[in-house]
C-alpha atoms as a PDB file:
ATOM      1  CA  MET A   1       0.000   0.000   0.000  1.00  0.00           C
ATOM      2  CA  PHE A   2       2.859   2.394   0.693  1.00  0.00           C
ATOM      3  CA  ASP A   3       6.243   2.914  -0.938  1.00  0.00           C
ATOM      4  CA  HIS A   4       7.957   3.955   2.266  1.00  0.00           C
ATOM      5  CA  ILE A   5       7.363   5.597   5.629  1.00  0.00           C
ATOM      6  CA  GLY A   6       9.799   7.754   7.593  1.00  0.00           C
ATOM      7  CA  LEU A   7       9.817   8.116  11.371  1.00  0.00           C
ATOM      8  CA  ARG A   8      11.828  10.635  13.353  1.00  0.00           C
ATOM      9  CA  VAL A   9      13.514   8.995  16.332  1.00  0.00           C
ATOM     10  CA  GLU A  10      15.438  10.509  19.200  1.00  0.00           C
ATOM     11  CA  ASN A  11      18.053   7.755  19.592  1.00  0.00           C
ATOM     12  CA  LEU A  12      18.796   6.007  16.298  1.00  0.00           C
ATOM     13  CA  GLY A  13      20.897   3.224  17.851  1.00  0.00           C
ATOM     14  CA  ARG A  14      18.234   2.313  20.396  1.00  0.00           C
ATOM     15  CA  SER A  15      15.521   2.404  17.732  1.00  0.00           C
ATOM     16  CA  VAL A  16      17.519   0.237  15.312  1.00  0.00           C
ATOM     17  CA  GLU A  17      17.962  -2.402  18.032  1.00  0.00           C
ATOM     18  CA  PHE A  18      14.235  -2.282  18.833  1.00  0.00           C
ATOM     19  CA  TYR A  19      13.092  -2.540  15.196  1.00  0.00           C
ATOM     20  CA  GLU A  20      15.591  -5.304  14.346  1.00  0.00           C
ATOM     21  CA  ALA A  21      14.131  -7.446  17.142  1.00  0.00           C
ATOM     22  CA  ALA A  22      10.473  -6.492  16.649  1.00  0.00           C
ATOM     23  CA  LEU A  23      10.422  -6.907  12.862  1.00  0.00           C
ATOM     24  CA  ALA A  24      12.416 -10.150  12.616  1.00  0.00           C
ATOM     25  CA  PRO A  25       9.351 -12.378  13.267  1.00  0.00           C
ATOM     26  CA  LEU A  26       7.627 -10.656  10.333  1.00  0.00           C
ATOM     27  CA  GLY A  27      10.559 -11.345   7.976  1.00  0.00           C
ATOM     28  CA  TYR A  28      11.793  -7.750   7.791  1.00  0.00           C
ATOM     29  CA  VAL A  29      15.473  -6.857   8.168  1.00  0.00           C
ATOM     30  CA  LEU A  30      17.791  -3.869   8.440  1.00  0.00           C
ATOM     31  CA  CYS A  31      18.568  -3.050   4.785  1.00  0.00           C
ATOM     32  CA  SER A  32      20.473   0.208   5.095  1.00  0.00           C
ATOM     33  CA  ARG A  33      22.151   2.208   7.852  1.00  0.00           C
ATOM     34  CA  ASP A  34      24.288   5.308   8.216  1.00  0.00           C
ATOM     35  CA  ASP A  35      24.847   7.848  10.999  1.00  0.00           C
ATOM     36  CA  ALA A  36      21.560   9.650  10.324  1.00  0.00           C
ATOM     37  CA  SER A  37      19.133   6.961   9.161  1.00  0.00           C
ATOM     38  CA  ALA A  38      18.235   3.285   8.921  1.00  0.00           C
ATOM     39  CA  GLY A  39      15.925   1.461   6.521  1.00  0.00           C
ATOM     40  CA  PHE A  40      13.974  -1.750   7.203  1.00  0.00           C
ATOM     41  CA  GLY A  41      11.946  -4.012   4.963  1.00  0.00           C
ATOM     42  CA  PRO A  42      12.155  -7.231   3.006  1.00  0.00           C
ATOM     43  CA  PRO A  43      15.810  -7.959   2.167  1.00  0.00           C
ATOM     44  CA  GLY A  44      17.020  -5.290  -0.257  1.00  0.00           C
ATOM     45  CA  GLU A  45      13.734  -3.335  -0.187  1.00  0.00           C
ATOM     46  CA  PRO A  46      13.742  -0.794   2.659  1.00  0.00           C
ATOM     47  CA  ALA A  47      10.305   0.726   3.199  1.00  0.00           C
ATOM     48  CA  LEU A  48      10.342   1.817   6.856  1.00  0.00           C
ATOM     49  CA  TRP A  49      12.948   4.500   7.464  1.00  0.00           C
ATOM     50  CA  LEU A  50      14.142   5.843  10.807  1.00  0.00           C
ATOM     51  CA  TYR A  51      15.719   9.306  10.889  1.00  0.00           C
ATOM     52  CA  ALA A  52      17.747  10.655  13.807  1.00  0.00           C
ATOM     53  CA  SER A  53      16.086  13.859  15.002  1.00  0.00           C
ATOM     54  CA  LYS A  54      15.915  16.075  18.059  1.00  0.00           C
ATOM     55  CA  ASP A  55      12.806  17.852  16.736  1.00  0.00           C
ATOM     56  CA  PRO A  56       9.482  17.423  18.513  1.00  0.00           C
ATOM     57  CA  ARG A  57       7.333  14.803  16.859  1.00  0.00           C
ATOM     58  CA  THR A  58       3.845  13.422  16.964  1.00  0.00           C
ATOM     59  CA  PRO A  59       3.661   9.640  17.392  1.00  0.00           C
ATOM     60  CA  VAL A  60       2.233   7.731  14.440  1.00  0.00           C
ATOM     61  CA  HIS A  61       0.551   4.371  13.862  1.00  0.00           C
ATOM     62  CA  ILE A  62       2.006   1.813  11.445  1.00  0.00           C
ATOM     63  CA  ALA A  63       0.426  -1.573  10.725  1.00  0.00           C
ATOM     64  CA  LEU A  64       2.682  -4.268   9.270  1.00  0.00           C
ATOM     65  CA  ARG A  65       1.349  -7.410   7.616  1.00  0.00           C
ATOM     66  CA  ALA A  66       2.212 -10.763   9.183  1.00  0.00           C
ATOM     67  CA  ARG A  67       2.061 -13.966   7.123  1.00  0.00           C
ATOM     68  CA  ALA A  68       0.475 -15.976   9.944  1.00  0.00           C
ATOM     69  CA  ARG A  69      -1.064 -15.420  13.372  1.00  0.00           C
ATOM     70  CA  GLY A  70       1.981 -16.943  15.056  1.00  0.00           C
ATOM     71  CA  GLY A  71       4.090 -14.128  13.629  1.00  0.00           C
ATOM     72  CA  VAL A  72       1.816 -11.585  15.323  1.00  0.00           C
ATOM     73  CA  ALA A  73       2.444 -13.137  18.742  1.00  0.00           C
ATOM     74  CA  GLU A  74       6.179 -13.490  18.022  1.00  0.00           C
ATOM     75  CA  PHE A  75       6.326  -9.825  16.971  1.00  0.00           C
ATOM     76  CA  HIS A  76       4.663  -8.758  20.233  1.00  0.00           C
ATOM     77  CA  ALA A  77       7.022 -10.842  22.378  1.00  0.00           C
ATOM     78  CA  ALA A  78      10.131  -9.729  20.466  1.00  0.00           C
ATOM     79  CA  ALA A  79       9.135  -6.071  20.636  1.00  0.00           C
ATOM     80  CA  LEU A  80       8.549  -6.260  24.398  1.00  0.00           C
ATOM     81  CA  ALA A  81      11.884  -8.027  24.917  1.00  0.00           C
ATOM     82  CA  ALA A  82      13.557  -5.240  22.912  1.00  0.00           C
ATOM     83  CA  GLY A  83      12.159  -2.537  25.203  1.00  0.00           C
ATOM     84  CA  GLY A  84       8.766  -1.790  23.680  1.00  0.00           C
ATOM     85  CA  THR A  85       5.595  -1.263  25.699  1.00  0.00           C
ATOM     86  CA  SER A  86       2.512  -3.369  25.073  1.00  0.00           C
ATOM     87  CA  ASN A  87      -0.398  -1.464  23.602  1.00  0.00           C
ATOM     88  CA  GLY A  88      -2.490  -4.614  23.111  1.00  0.00           C
ATOM     89  CA  PRO A  89      -1.464  -8.288  23.126  1.00  0.00           C
ATOM     90  CA  ALA A  90      -1.902 -10.636  20.166  1.00  0.00           C
ATOM     91  CA  GLY A  91      -5.533 -11.532  19.664  1.00  0.00           C
ATOM     92  CA  LEU A  92      -8.597 -11.403  17.479  1.00  0.00           C
ATOM     93  CA  ARG A  93     -10.020  -7.895  17.053  1.00  0.00           C
ATOM     94  CA  ALA A  94     -13.571  -8.819  16.005  1.00  0.00           C
ATOM     95  CA  ASP A  95     -14.634  -5.165  16.178  1.00  0.00           C
ATOM     96  CA  TYR A  96     -12.148  -4.447  13.321  1.00  0.00           C
ATOM     97  CA  GLY A  97     -13.206  -7.478  11.271  1.00  0.00           C
ATOM     98  CA  PRO A  98     -14.026 -11.169  11.680  1.00  0.00           C
ATOM     99  CA  ARG A  99     -10.457 -12.305  10.841  1.00  0.00           C
ATOM    100  CA  TYR A 100      -8.481  -9.293  12.118  1.00  0.00           C
ATOM    101  CA  TYR A 101      -5.759 -10.751  14.366  1.00  0.00           C
ATOM    102  CA  ALA A 102      -3.312  -8.161  15.676  1.00  0.00           C
ATOM    103  CA  ALA A 103      -0.931  -7.010  18.392  1.00  0.00           C
ATOM    104  CA  PHE A 104       0.170  -3.468  19.243  1.00  0.00           C
ATOM    105  CA  VAL A 105       3.424  -2.152  20.735  1.00  0.00           C
ATOM    106  CA  LEU A 106       4.726   1.332  21.441  1.00  0.00           C
ATOM    107  CA  ASP A 107       8.292   1.785  20.216  1.00  0.00           C
ATOM    108  CA  PRO A 108      10.912   3.730  22.245  1.00  0.00           C
ATOM    109  CA  ASP A 109       9.593   7.008  20.775  1.00  0.00           C
ATOM    110  CA  GLY A 110       5.907   6.302  21.448  1.00  0.00           C
ATOM    111  CA  ASN A 111       4.963   5.270  17.896  1.00  0.00           C
ATOM    112  CA  ASN A 112       2.196   2.648  17.806  1.00  0.00           C
ATOM    113  CA  LEU A 113       3.476  -0.341  15.827  1.00  0.00           C
ATOM    114  CA  GLU A 114       0.960  -3.044  14.877  1.00  0.00           C
ATOM    115  CA  ALA A 115       1.374  -6.495  13.371  1.00  0.00           C
ATOM    116  CA  VAL A 116      -1.787  -7.809  11.715  1.00  0.00           C
ATOM    117  CA  CYS A 117      -2.850 -11.044  10.028  1.00  0.00           C
ATOM    118  CA  MET A 118      -6.173 -11.386   8.221  1.00  0.00           C
ATOM    119  CA  SER A 119      -6.178 -15.164   7.849  1.00  0.00           C
END
């Protein structure tokens, strides 16, 4: 649905560690990194970019597709182990749709990261 998304983060190193752990269960990896930014996505296809910034920011919501429900639970556990804060454990969200299975985690900068599986 999107080509890429950019998030401003206060501590790039901390955020890279968090996203590496949280996104691994979904099959996404660190594709690119320099002193000011890092890009994650399928191997060789960065689509989620982190940019080091000291500017004030408004947290955002990003939903990432999981291939299976087990990946949603693994994402949630990995993100918590990497320092994220639970914003909703893995489970069916019938109010969103009959097959909407998701988990929510706040990253170190307060962004709401979701993993969702519709099967």
